[in-house]
Amino acid sequence: RLGLERADTAEKALSVIVDLLEKYGQGGNCMESNMAFTYYNSFLIADRKEAWVLETSGKYWAAEKVEGGVRNISNQLSITTKIDREHPELKEYAKSNGWWDGEKEFDFAATYSYVNTARMTTSGGRYCEGYKLLNKHKGSITSEIMMEILRDKESGINMEGGFMTTGSMVSVLPQQPNLPCIHFFTGTPDPAR
């Protein structure tokens, strides 16, 4: 929200977020119950001209500029070796912890998580299912198709049970500056409503 408030481009919003991350860190419980469950965050940041994926691990972060096609995030790191901006100490911190030898190509997701990045787009998790649904409609995605994808329960994108989807948003950002941007938000946690 502060990125939206304080920046007029996607890249400037990315800078706002990483500056705040550096200054204040992140955290907080992911559930309203007393169970302590936290994780770090990923962001899709877009304006009329460009889009970025920002993923975090503590105060460390990596950002990937989306150059085309489709891109999604879920509850795992997905930025691998295409890193366009990064925390200045990202690689050195990984090296000092023995997570990366400094020799092989640096892979953010593989280094900062326990996820097998080779399986991200082939396993049955939410990231993979979202990737498949987006690719199925690549080149012809409309706001209605995005809403349909966000409502998909079979894929796990629309979660219910122990964890529930907390909200969904679809934005239409025309490249022509004379056309208005349109944003759709759910009024309830369940995007099917």
N, C-alpha and C. Protein backbone atom coordinates (compact mmCIF):
# COMPACT_ATOMS: atom_id res chain seq x y z
N ARG A 1 0.82 -1.20 0.00
CA ARG A 1 0.00 0.00 0.00
C ARG A 1 0.85 1.26 0.00
N LEU A 2 1.95 1.21 0.73
CA LEU A 2 2.82 2.38 0.75
C LEU A 2 3.54 2.56 -0.58
N GLY A 3 3.83 1.47 -1.27
CA GLY A 3 4.41 1.57 -2.60
C GLY A 3 3.46 2.27 -3.55
N LEU A 4 2.17 1.94 -3.46
CA LEU A 4 1.16 2.60 -4.29
C LEU A 4 1.04 4.08 -3.94
N GLU A 5 1.11 4.36 -2.66
CA GLU A 5 0.94 5.75 -2.20
C GLU A 5 2.12 6.63 -2.55
N ARG A 6 3.33 6.08 -2.46
CA ARG A 6 4.53 6.91 -2.55
C ARG A 6 5.26 6.88 -3.89
N ALA A 7 4.80 6.05 -4.82
CA ALA A 7 5.53 5.92 -6.08
C ALA A 7 4.59 6.08 -7.27
N ASP A 8 5.15 6.55 -8.38
CA ASP A 8 4.34 6.70 -9.59
C ASP A 8 4.72 5.72 -10.69
N THR A 9 5.68 4.82 -10.40
CA THR A 9 6.01 3.75 -11.34
C THR A 9 6.20 2.46 -10.56
N ALA A 10 6.15 1.34 -11.27
CA ALA A 10 6.35 0.04 -10.63
C ALA A 10 7.75 -0.06 -10.01
N GLU A 11 8.76 0.40 -10.74
CA GLU A 11 10.12 0.29 -10.21
C GLU A 11 10.32 1.18 -8.98
N LYS A 12 9.71 2.36 -8.97
CA LYS A 12 9.81 3.21 -7.78
C LYS A 12 9.07 2.59 -6.60
N ALA A 13 7.95 1.91 -6.85
CA ALA A 13 7.23 1.22 -5.77
C ALA A 13 8.08 0.09 -5.21
N LEU A 14 8.80 -0.61 -6.07
CA LEU A 14 9.73 -1.64 -5.62
C LEU A 14 10.76 -1.03 -4.68
N SER A 15 11.30 0.13 -5.05
CA SER A 15 12.29 0.81 -4.21
C SER A 15 11.70 1.21 -2.86
N VAL A 16 10.47 1.70 -2.86
CA VAL A 16 9.80 2.05 -1.60
C VAL A 16 9.72 0.83 -0.70
N ILE A 17 9.29 -0.29 -1.26
CA ILE A 17 9.11 -1.51 -0.46
C ILE A 17 10.44 -2.00 0.10
N VAL A 18 11.50 -2.05 -0.73
CA VAL A 18 12.77 -2.57 -0.23
C VAL A 18 13.41 -1.60 0.76
N ASP A 19 13.20 -0.31 0.60
CA ASP A 19 13.70 0.65 1.59
C ASP A 19 13.01 0.45 2.94
N LEU A 20 11.70 0.23 2.91
CA LEU A 20 10.96 -0.03 4.15
C LEU A 20 11.37 -1.37 4.77
N LEU A 21 11.60 -2.35 3.93
CA LEU A 21 12.05 -3.66 4.41
C LEU A 21 13.40 -3.54 5.11
N GLU A 22 14.30 -2.77 4.52
CA GLU A 22 15.62 -2.57 5.11
C GLU A 22 15.51 -1.85 6.46
N LYS A 23 14.63 -0.86 6.54
CA LYS A 23 14.50 -0.07 7.75
C LYS A 23 13.73 -0.78 8.86
N TYR A 24 12.63 -1.48 8.51
CA TYR A 24 11.73 -2.04 9.53
C TYR A 24 11.67 -3.56 9.57
N GLY A 25 12.19 -4.24 8.55
CA GLY A 25 12.07 -5.69 8.51
C GLY A 25 10.63 -6.09 8.19
N GLN A 26 10.32 -7.34 8.43
CA GLN A 26 8.96 -7.82 8.19
C GLN A 26 8.65 -8.92 9.18
N GLY A 27 7.41 -9.26 9.25
CA GLY A 27 7.00 -10.31 10.18
C GLY A 27 5.53 -10.19 10.45
N GLY A 28 5.11 -10.85 11.47
CA GLY A 28 3.69 -10.85 11.80
C GLY A 28 3.09 -12.21 11.56
N ASN A 29 2.09 -12.51 12.32
CA ASN A 29 1.43 -13.80 12.23
C ASN A 29 0.55 -13.85 10.99
N CYS A 30 0.53 -14.98 10.32
CA CYS A 30 -0.28 -15.16 9.12
C CYS A 30 -1.70 -15.59 9.44
N MET A 31 -1.99 -15.84 10.69
CA MET A 31 -3.32 -16.29 11.09
C MET A 31 -3.80 -15.46 12.27
N GLU A 32 -5.11 -15.37 12.41
CA GLU A 32 -5.67 -14.64 13.54
C GLU A 32 -5.66 -15.47 14.81
N SER A 33 -5.45 -16.78 14.69
CA SER A 33 -5.41 -17.64 15.87
C SER A 33 -4.11 -17.41 16.63
N ASN A 34 -3.96 -18.09 17.73
CA ASN A 34 -2.75 -17.96 18.55
C ASN A 34 -1.56 -18.73 17.97
N MET A 35 -1.83 -19.57 16.95
CA MET A 35 -0.75 -20.34 16.36
C MET A 35 0.26 -19.40 15.70
N ALA A 36 1.52 -19.56 16.05
CA ALA A 36 2.56 -18.71 15.46
C ALA A 36 2.96 -19.30 14.11
N PHE A 37 2.62 -18.62 13.06
CA PHE A 37 2.98 -19.07 11.71
C PHE A 37 3.28 -17.84 10.88
N THR A 38 4.53 -17.71 10.46
CA THR A 38 4.92 -16.56 9.66
C THR A 38 5.67 -17.03 8.43
N TYR A 39 5.70 -16.20 7.42
CA TYR A 39 6.54 -16.43 6.26
C TYR A 39 6.85 -15.09 5.64
N TYR A 40 7.79 -15.09 4.71
CA TYR A 40 8.17 -13.84 4.07
C TYR A 40 7.28 -13.61 2.86
N ASN A 41 7.45 -12.48 2.21
CA ASN A 41 6.46 -12.05 1.23
C ASN A 41 7.00 -11.96 -0.19
N SER A 42 6.06 -12.07 -1.12
CA SER A 42 6.31 -11.87 -2.54
C SER A 42 5.31 -10.84 -3.03
N PHE A 43 5.71 -10.07 -4.04
CA PHE A 43 4.86 -9.00 -4.55
C PHE A 43 4.88 -9.01 -6.08
N LEU A 44 3.72 -8.79 -6.68
CA LEU A 44 3.61 -8.48 -8.10
C LEU A 44 3.39 -6.97 -8.15
N ILE A 45 4.26 -6.26 -8.83
CA ILE A 45 4.19 -4.80 -8.88
C ILE A 45 4.13 -4.39 -10.35
N ALA A 46 3.08 -3.68 -10.73
CA ALA A 46 2.93 -3.33 -12.15
C ALA A 46 2.40 -1.92 -12.32
N ASP A 47 2.79 -1.31 -13.43
CA ASP A 47 2.18 -0.06 -13.87
C ASP A 47 1.83 -0.25 -15.34
N ARG A 48 1.51 0.81 -16.04
CA ARG A 48 1.11 0.69 -17.44
C ARG A 48 2.23 0.21 -18.36
N LYS A 49 3.48 0.41 -17.94
CA LYS A 49 4.61 0.14 -18.83
C LYS A 49 5.48 -1.05 -18.43
N GLU A 50 5.50 -1.40 -17.15
CA GLU A 50 6.37 -2.49 -16.73
C GLU A 50 5.83 -3.20 -15.51
N ALA A 51 6.39 -4.38 -15.28
CA ALA A 51 5.98 -5.19 -14.12
C ALA A 51 7.22 -5.82 -13.50
N TRP A 52 7.14 -6.02 -12.19
CA TRP A 52 8.23 -6.62 -11.41
C TRP A 52 7.67 -7.67 -10.48
N VAL A 53 8.49 -8.67 -10.19
CA VAL A 53 8.23 -9.61 -9.10
C VAL A 53 9.30 -9.32 -8.06
N LEU A 54 8.88 -9.12 -6.83
CA LEU A 54 9.79 -8.90 -5.71
C LEU A 54 9.56 -10.01 -4.71
N GLU A 55 10.63 -10.69 -4.31
CA GLU A 55 10.52 -11.76 -3.31
C GLU A 55 11.52 -11.49 -2.20
N THR A 56 11.11 -11.83 -0.98
CA THR A 56 11.90 -11.47 0.19
C THR A 56 12.20 -12.68 1.07
N SER A 57 13.29 -12.57 1.79
CA SER A 57 13.66 -13.55 2.81
C SER A 57 14.34 -12.76 3.91
N GLY A 58 13.59 -12.51 4.98
CA GLY A 58 14.11 -11.61 6.01
C GLY A 58 14.28 -10.24 5.39
N LYS A 59 15.45 -9.63 5.58
CA LYS A 59 15.69 -8.33 4.98
C LYS A 59 16.28 -8.45 3.57
N TYR A 60 16.58 -9.67 3.17
CA TYR A 60 17.18 -9.90 1.86
C TYR A 60 16.10 -10.08 0.80
N TRP A 61 16.41 -9.68 -0.42
CA TRP A 61 15.40 -9.69 -1.47
C TRP A 61 16.03 -9.79 -2.85
N ALA A 62 15.21 -10.23 -3.78
CA ALA A 62 15.59 -10.27 -5.20
C ALA A 62 14.38 -9.80 -6.00
N ALA A 63 14.63 -9.12 -7.11
CA ALA A 63 13.55 -8.62 -7.96
C ALA A 63 13.84 -9.00 -9.41
N GLU A 64 12.77 -9.40 -10.08
CA GLU A 64 12.85 -9.78 -11.49
C GLU A 64 11.91 -8.90 -12.30
N LYS A 65 12.44 -8.27 -13.33
CA LYS A 65 11.60 -7.49 -14.23
C LYS A 65 10.91 -8.47 -15.17
N VAL A 66 9.60 -8.35 -15.29
CA VAL A 66 8.83 -9.23 -16.15
C VAL A 66 8.95 -8.69 -17.57
N GLU A 67 9.51 -9.48 -18.44
CA GLU A 67 9.79 -9.03 -19.80
C GLU A 67 8.70 -9.43 -20.80
N GLY A 68 7.79 -10.28 -20.40
CA GLY A 68 6.72 -10.71 -21.30
C GLY A 68 6.12 -12.01 -20.82
N GLY A 69 5.12 -12.49 -21.54
CA GLY A 69 4.49 -13.74 -21.17
C GLY A 69 3.63 -13.59 -19.93
N VAL A 70 3.59 -14.61 -19.12
CA VAL A 70 2.82 -14.58 -17.88
C VAL A 70 3.75 -14.86 -16.71
N ARG A 71 3.37 -14.39 -15.54
CA ARG A 71 4.18 -14.57 -14.33
C ARG A 71 3.25 -14.64 -13.15
N ASN A 72 3.52 -15.51 -12.21
CA ASN A 72 2.70 -15.62 -11.00
C ASN A 72 3.61 -15.83 -9.79
N ILE A 73 3.00 -15.68 -8.62
CA ILE A 73 3.69 -15.94 -7.36
C ILE A 73 2.78 -16.80 -6.51
N SER A 74 3.34 -17.41 -5.50
CA SER A 74 2.56 -18.17 -4.52
C SER A 74 3.36 -18.17 -3.22
N ASN A 75 3.11 -19.14 -2.36
CA ASN A 75 3.78 -19.19 -1.07
C ASN A 75 5.12 -19.89 -1.17
N GLN A 76 5.92 -19.49 -2.11
CA GLN A 76 7.27 -20.01 -2.26
C GLN A 76 8.06 -19.00 -3.09
N LEU A 77 9.36 -19.09 -3.00
CA LEU A 77 10.19 -18.23 -3.84
C LEU A 77 10.19 -18.78 -5.26
N SER A 78 10.14 -17.89 -6.23
CA SER A 78 10.10 -18.34 -7.62
C SER A 78 11.14 -17.64 -8.50
N ILE A 79 11.82 -16.66 -7.97
CA ILE A 79 12.90 -16.01 -8.73
C ILE A 79 14.11 -16.92 -8.63
N THR A 80 14.61 -17.34 -9.79
CA THR A 80 15.74 -18.26 -9.79
C THR A 80 17.02 -17.50 -10.16
N THR A 81 17.44 -17.58 -11.41
CA THR A 81 18.72 -16.96 -11.81
C THR A 81 18.54 -15.62 -12.53
N LYS A 82 17.33 -15.29 -12.96
CA LYS A 82 17.08 -13.99 -13.60
C LYS A 82 16.77 -12.97 -12.51
N ILE A 83 17.80 -12.29 -12.06
CA ILE A 83 17.67 -11.30 -10.99
C ILE A 83 18.09 -9.96 -11.58
N ASP A 84 17.16 -9.01 -11.59
CA ASP A 84 17.45 -7.70 -12.17
C ASP A 84 17.83 -6.66 -11.13
N ARG A 85 17.38 -6.84 -9.90
CA ARG A 85 17.80 -6.01 -8.77
C ARG A 85 17.88 -6.92 -7.56
N GLU A 86 18.75 -6.58 -6.63
CA GLU A 86 18.90 -7.42 -5.45
C GLU A 86 19.43 -6.63 -4.26
N HIS A 87 19.20 -7.17 -3.08
CA HIS A 87 19.78 -6.60 -1.88
C HIS A 87 21.30 -6.60 -2.06
N PRO A 88 21.98 -5.51 -1.71
CA PRO A 88 23.43 -5.42 -1.96
C PRO A 88 24.26 -6.52 -1.28
N GLU A 89 23.75 -7.13 -0.22
CA GLU A 89 24.50 -8.18 0.48
C GLU A 89 23.89 -9.56 0.28
N LEU A 90 22.97 -9.70 -0.67
CA LEU A 90 22.24 -10.96 -0.88
C LEU A 90 23.18 -12.15 -1.07
N LYS A 91 24.11 -12.03 -1.99
CA LYS A 91 25.00 -13.16 -2.32
C LYS A 91 26.04 -13.39 -1.23
N GLU A 92 26.56 -12.30 -0.67
CA GLU A 92 27.57 -12.43 0.38
C GLU A 92 26.97 -13.10 1.63
N TYR A 93 25.74 -12.75 1.97
CA TYR A 93 25.07 -13.37 3.12
C TYR A 93 24.88 -14.87 2.87
N ALA A 94 24.45 -15.22 1.67
CA ALA A 94 24.26 -16.64 1.33
C ALA A 94 25.60 -17.38 1.40
N LYS A 95 26.64 -16.75 0.92
CA LYS A 95 27.97 -17.36 0.94
C LYS A 95 28.46 -17.55 2.37
N SER A 96 28.26 -16.53 3.21
CA SER A 96 28.75 -16.61 4.59
C SER A 96 28.00 -17.67 5.41
N ASN A 97 26.79 -18.03 4.97
CA ASN A 97 26.02 -19.08 5.66
C ASN A 97 26.24 -20.46 5.04
N GLY A 98 27.07 -20.54 4.01
CA GLY A 98 27.34 -21.82 3.36
C GLY A 98 26.23 -22.30 2.45
N TRP A 99 25.32 -21.40 2.05
CA TRP A 99 24.21 -21.79 1.18
C TRP A 99 24.60 -21.74 -0.29
N TRP A 100 25.63 -20.99 -0.60
CA TRP A 100 26.09 -20.81 -1.98
C TRP A 100 27.61 -20.77 -1.97
N ASP A 101 28.23 -21.45 -2.90
CA ASP A 101 29.70 -21.54 -2.90
C ASP A 101 30.38 -20.39 -3.62
N GLY A 102 29.62 -19.50 -4.25
CA GLY A 102 30.20 -18.38 -4.97
C GLY A 102 30.73 -18.76 -6.34
N GLU A 103 30.68 -20.03 -6.68
CA GLU A 103 31.19 -20.52 -7.96
C GLU A 103 30.06 -20.74 -8.96
N LYS A 104 29.09 -21.55 -8.57
CA LYS A 104 28.02 -21.86 -9.51
C LYS A 104 27.07 -20.66 -9.65
N GLU A 105 26.26 -20.68 -10.70
CA GLU A 105 25.33 -19.58 -10.94
C GLU A 105 24.40 -19.41 -9.73
N PHE A 106 24.19 -18.17 -9.32
CA PHE A 106 23.37 -17.89 -8.14
C PHE A 106 21.89 -18.05 -8.49
N ASP A 107 21.19 -18.84 -7.70
CA ASP A 107 19.75 -19.10 -7.86
C ASP A 107 19.08 -18.70 -6.55
N PHE A 108 18.34 -17.59 -6.57
CA PHE A 108 17.74 -17.06 -5.34
C PHE A 108 16.82 -18.07 -4.67
N ALA A 109 15.88 -18.64 -5.42
CA ALA A 109 14.92 -19.57 -4.83
C ALA A 109 15.62 -20.80 -4.27
N ALA A 110 16.56 -21.34 -5.00
CA ALA A 110 17.26 -22.53 -4.52
C ALA A 110 18.12 -22.23 -3.30
N THR A 111 18.69 -21.04 -3.24
CA THR A 111 19.60 -20.68 -2.16
C THR A 111 18.86 -20.29 -0.88
N TYR A 112 17.76 -19.56 -1.02
CA TYR A 112 17.06 -19.01 0.15
C TYR A 112 15.81 -19.80 0.56
N SER A 113 15.58 -20.96 -0.03
CA SER A 113 14.41 -21.75 0.39
C SER A 113 14.74 -23.23 0.32
N TYR A 114 13.79 -24.02 0.78
CA TYR A 114 13.95 -25.47 0.75
C TYR A 114 13.23 -26.09 -0.45
N VAL A 115 12.69 -25.24 -1.33
CA VAL A 115 11.93 -25.73 -2.47
C VAL A 115 12.87 -26.19 -3.57
N ASN A 116 12.55 -27.32 -4.18
CA ASN A 116 13.30 -27.79 -5.34
C ASN A 116 12.81 -26.98 -6.54
N THR A 117 13.60 -26.00 -6.96
CA THR A 117 13.14 -25.08 -8.00
C THR A 117 12.92 -25.76 -9.35
N ALA A 118 13.55 -26.89 -9.58
CA ALA A 118 13.33 -27.61 -10.84
C ALA A 118 11.91 -28.16 -10.91
N ARG A 119 11.25 -28.34 -9.76
CA ARG A 119 9.91 -28.92 -9.73
C ARG A 119 8.81 -27.87 -9.62
N MET A 120 9.15 -26.59 -9.52
CA MET A 120 8.13 -25.57 -9.27
C MET A 120 7.03 -25.55 -10.31
N THR A 121 7.36 -25.73 -11.58
CA THR A 121 6.34 -25.64 -12.62
C THR A 121 5.82 -27.01 -13.04
N THR A 122 6.25 -28.07 -12.36
CA THR A 122 5.77 -29.40 -12.70
C THR A 122 5.04 -30.09 -11.56
N SER A 123 5.25 -29.66 -10.33
CA SER A 123 4.57 -30.30 -9.20
C SER A 123 3.16 -29.74 -9.08
N GLY A 124 2.34 -30.35 -8.25
CA GLY A 124 0.92 -29.99 -8.17
C GLY A 124 0.56 -28.86 -7.25
N GLY A 125 1.50 -28.08 -6.78
CA GLY A 125 1.19 -27.00 -5.84
C GLY A 125 0.50 -25.81 -6.50
N ARG A 126 0.13 -24.84 -5.67
CA ARG A 126 -0.58 -23.66 -6.16
C ARG A 126 0.23 -22.87 -7.18
N TYR A 127 1.52 -22.75 -6.97
CA TYR A 127 2.34 -22.02 -7.94
C TYR A 127 2.24 -22.69 -9.30
N CYS A 128 2.44 -23.98 -9.33
CA CYS A 128 2.40 -24.73 -10.59
C CYS A 128 1.03 -24.63 -11.24
N GLU A 129 -0.02 -24.79 -10.46
CA GLU A 129 -1.38 -24.75 -11.01
C GLU A 129 -1.71 -23.36 -11.56
N GLY A 130 -1.28 -22.31 -10.86
CA GLY A 130 -1.48 -20.95 -11.36
C GLY A 130 -0.72 -20.73 -12.65
N TYR A 131 0.50 -21.23 -12.70
CA TYR A 131 1.33 -21.13 -13.90
C TYR A 131 0.65 -21.81 -15.09
N LYS A 132 0.10 -23.00 -14.85
CA LYS A 132 -0.59 -23.74 -15.92
C LYS A 132 -1.83 -22.98 -16.40
N LEU A 133 -2.63 -22.48 -15.46
CA LEU A 133 -3.85 -21.76 -15.84
C LEU A 133 -3.52 -20.48 -16.62
N LEU A 134 -2.51 -19.75 -16.20
CA LEU A 134 -2.12 -18.54 -16.93
C LEU A 134 -1.61 -18.89 -18.33
N ASN A 135 -0.78 -19.92 -18.42
CA ASN A 135 -0.25 -20.31 -19.72
C ASN A 135 -1.33 -20.82 -20.67
N LYS A 136 -2.34 -21.44 -20.12
CA LYS A 136 -3.46 -21.93 -20.94
C LYS A 136 -4.13 -20.77 -21.67
N HIS A 137 -4.16 -19.60 -21.06
CA HIS A 137 -4.83 -18.43 -21.63
C HIS A 137 -3.85 -17.37 -22.14
N LYS A 138 -2.56 -17.69 -22.17
CA LYS A 138 -1.52 -16.74 -22.57
C LYS A 138 -1.88 -16.09 -23.90
N GLY A 139 -1.82 -14.77 -23.94
CA GLY A 139 -2.13 -14.03 -25.15
C GLY A 139 -3.59 -13.61 -25.26
N SER A 140 -4.43 -14.17 -24.42
CA SER A 140 -5.86 -13.81 -24.49
C SER A 140 -6.47 -13.66 -23.09
N ILE A 141 -5.66 -13.22 -22.13
CA ILE A 141 -6.14 -13.07 -20.75
C ILE A 141 -6.98 -11.80 -20.64
N THR A 142 -8.16 -11.96 -20.11
CA THR A 142 -9.06 -10.83 -19.83
C THR A 142 -9.27 -10.74 -18.33
N SER A 143 -9.92 -9.69 -17.88
CA SER A 143 -10.21 -9.58 -16.45
C SER A 143 -11.13 -10.73 -16.01
N GLU A 144 -12.05 -11.14 -16.88
CA GLU A 144 -12.95 -12.26 -16.54
C GLU A 144 -12.18 -13.56 -16.37
N ILE A 145 -11.20 -13.80 -17.24
CA ILE A 145 -10.38 -15.02 -17.11
C ILE A 145 -9.57 -14.97 -15.83
N MET A 146 -9.01 -13.81 -15.49
CA MET A 146 -8.25 -13.69 -14.24
C MET A 146 -9.14 -13.96 -13.03
N MET A 147 -10.37 -13.46 -13.07
CA MET A 147 -11.29 -13.72 -11.95
C MET A 147 -11.60 -15.20 -11.85
N GLU A 148 -11.76 -15.85 -13.01
CA GLU A 148 -12.01 -17.29 -13.04
C GLU A 148 -10.84 -18.05 -12.43
N ILE A 149 -9.62 -17.66 -12.78
CA ILE A 149 -8.42 -18.31 -12.23
C ILE A 149 -8.37 -18.11 -10.71
N LEU A 150 -8.63 -16.91 -10.23
CA LEU A 150 -8.57 -16.64 -8.79
C LEU A 150 -9.68 -17.37 -8.02
N ARG A 151 -10.75 -17.75 -8.70
CA ARG A 151 -11.85 -18.49 -8.06
C ARG A 151 -11.62 -20.00 -8.07
N ASP A 152 -10.58 -20.46 -8.75
CA ASP A 152 -10.37 -21.89 -8.96
C ASP A 152 -10.01 -22.59 -7.65
N LYS A 153 -10.90 -23.46 -7.20
CA LYS A 153 -10.66 -24.19 -5.94
C LYS A 153 -9.87 -25.46 -6.17
N GLU A 154 -10.10 -26.12 -7.31
CA GLU A 154 -9.41 -27.38 -7.60
C GLU A 154 -7.90 -27.21 -7.59
N SER A 155 -7.41 -26.09 -8.08
CA SER A 155 -5.97 -25.82 -8.14
C SER A 155 -5.39 -25.45 -6.78
N GLY A 156 -6.25 -25.06 -5.85
CA GLY A 156 -5.78 -24.59 -4.55
C GLY A 156 -5.54 -23.09 -4.53
N ILE A 157 -5.76 -22.41 -5.67
CA ILE A 157 -5.56 -20.96 -5.70
C ILE A 157 -6.58 -20.29 -4.79
N ASN A 158 -7.83 -20.70 -4.87
CA ASN A 158 -8.86 -20.22 -3.95
C ASN A 158 -8.92 -21.23 -2.81
N MET A 159 -8.26 -20.90 -1.72
CA MET A 159 -8.14 -21.84 -0.60
C MET A 159 -9.31 -21.75 0.36
N GLU A 160 -9.65 -22.88 0.92
CA GLU A 160 -10.62 -22.92 2.01
C GLU A 160 -10.21 -24.05 2.94
N GLY A 161 -10.62 -23.96 4.17
CA GLY A 161 -10.22 -24.96 5.14
C GLY A 161 -9.41 -24.29 6.23
N GLY A 162 -8.26 -24.90 6.61
CA GLY A 162 -7.40 -24.35 7.65
C GLY A 162 -6.91 -22.96 7.31
N PHE A 163 -6.56 -22.77 6.07
CA PHE A 163 -6.17 -21.46 5.56
C PHE A 163 -7.19 -21.08 4.51
N MET A 164 -7.52 -19.80 4.47
CA MET A 164 -8.45 -19.33 3.46
C MET A 164 -7.81 -18.20 2.67
N THR A 165 -8.23 -18.08 1.42
CA THR A 165 -7.81 -16.93 0.64
C THR A 165 -8.28 -15.69 1.38
N THR A 166 -7.43 -14.68 1.49
CA THR A 166 -7.81 -13.50 2.27
C THR A 166 -8.35 -12.37 1.42
N GLY A 167 -8.16 -12.43 0.14
CA GLY A 167 -8.66 -11.39 -0.75
C GLY A 167 -8.04 -11.56 -2.12
N SER A 168 -8.69 -11.01 -3.11
CA SER A 168 -8.18 -11.08 -4.48
C SER A 168 -8.37 -9.75 -5.17
N MET A 169 -7.51 -9.50 -6.15
CA MET A 169 -7.56 -8.24 -6.90
C MET A 169 -7.19 -8.52 -8.35
N VAL A 170 -7.92 -7.92 -9.24
CA VAL A 170 -7.61 -7.97 -10.67
C VAL A 170 -7.53 -6.54 -11.16
N SER A 171 -6.46 -6.20 -11.87
CA SER A 171 -6.29 -4.85 -12.39
C SER A 171 -6.14 -4.88 -13.90
N VAL A 172 -6.77 -3.91 -14.55
CA VAL A 172 -6.62 -3.70 -15.98
C VAL A 172 -5.84 -2.40 -16.13
N LEU A 173 -4.63 -2.50 -16.71
CA LEU A 173 -3.74 -1.35 -16.82
C LEU A 173 -3.44 -1.09 -18.29
N PRO A 174 -4.29 -0.36 -18.99
CA PRO A 174 -4.03 -0.10 -20.42
C PRO A 174 -2.75 0.71 -20.60
N GLN A 175 -2.01 0.42 -21.65
CA GLN A 175 -0.77 1.16 -21.90
C GLN A 175 -1.05 2.58 -22.39
N GLN A 176 -2.22 2.81 -22.96
CA GLN A 176 -2.57 4.15 -23.42
C GLN A 176 -2.94 5.02 -22.22
N PRO A 177 -2.23 6.11 -22.00
CA PRO A 177 -2.46 6.94 -20.80
C PRO A 177 -3.83 7.61 -20.76
N ASN A 178 -4.52 7.71 -21.89
CA ASN A 178 -5.84 8.35 -21.88
C ASN A 178 -6.95 7.39 -21.43
N LEU A 179 -6.64 6.09 -21.31
CA LEU A 179 -7.63 5.12 -20.84
C LEU A 179 -7.48 4.93 -19.33
N PRO A 180 -8.59 4.80 -18.61
CA PRO A 180 -8.48 4.63 -17.15
C PRO A 180 -8.03 3.23 -16.76
N CYS A 181 -7.35 3.14 -15.65
CA CYS A 181 -7.03 1.85 -15.05
C CYS A 181 -8.27 1.41 -14.26
N ILE A 182 -8.53 0.12 -14.26
CA ILE A 182 -9.70 -0.41 -13.56
C ILE A 182 -9.21 -1.48 -12.60
N HIS A 183 -9.70 -1.44 -11.37
CA HIS A 183 -9.29 -2.39 -10.34
C HIS A 183 -10.52 -3.05 -9.74
N PHE A 184 -10.49 -4.37 -9.67
CA PHE A 184 -11.57 -5.15 -9.07
C PHE A 184 -11.03 -5.79 -7.79
N PHE A 185 -11.74 -5.63 -6.67
CA PHE A 185 -11.36 -6.23 -5.40
C PHE A 185 -12.51 -7.09 -4.90
N THR A 186 -12.18 -8.16 -4.19
CA THR A 186 -13.24 -8.95 -3.58
C THR A 186 -13.75 -8.22 -2.35
N GLY A 187 -15.03 -8.39 -2.08
CA GLY A 187 -15.63 -7.79 -0.89
C GLY A 187 -15.60 -8.75 0.28
N THR A 188 -15.26 -10.01 0.02
CA THR A 188 -15.15 -11.04 1.06
C THR A 188 -13.86 -11.79 0.80
N PRO A 189 -13.40 -12.59 1.75
CA PRO A 189 -12.18 -13.36 1.49
C PRO A 189 -12.33 -14.33 0.31
N ASP A 190 -13.51 -14.86 0.08
CA ASP A 190 -13.72 -15.87 -0.95
C ASP A 190 -13.96 -15.20 -2.31
N PRO A 191 -13.02 -15.31 -3.25
CA PRO A 191 -13.21 -14.66 -4.56
C PRO A 191 -14.36 -15.28 -5.36
N ALA A 192 -14.86 -16.43 -4.95
CA ALA A 192 -16.01 -17.02 -5.62
C ALA A 192 -17.28 -16.23 -5.35
N ARG A 193 -17.25 -15.36 -4.35
CA ARG A 193 -18.42 -14.54 -4.02
C ARG A 193 -18.30 -13.20 -4.70
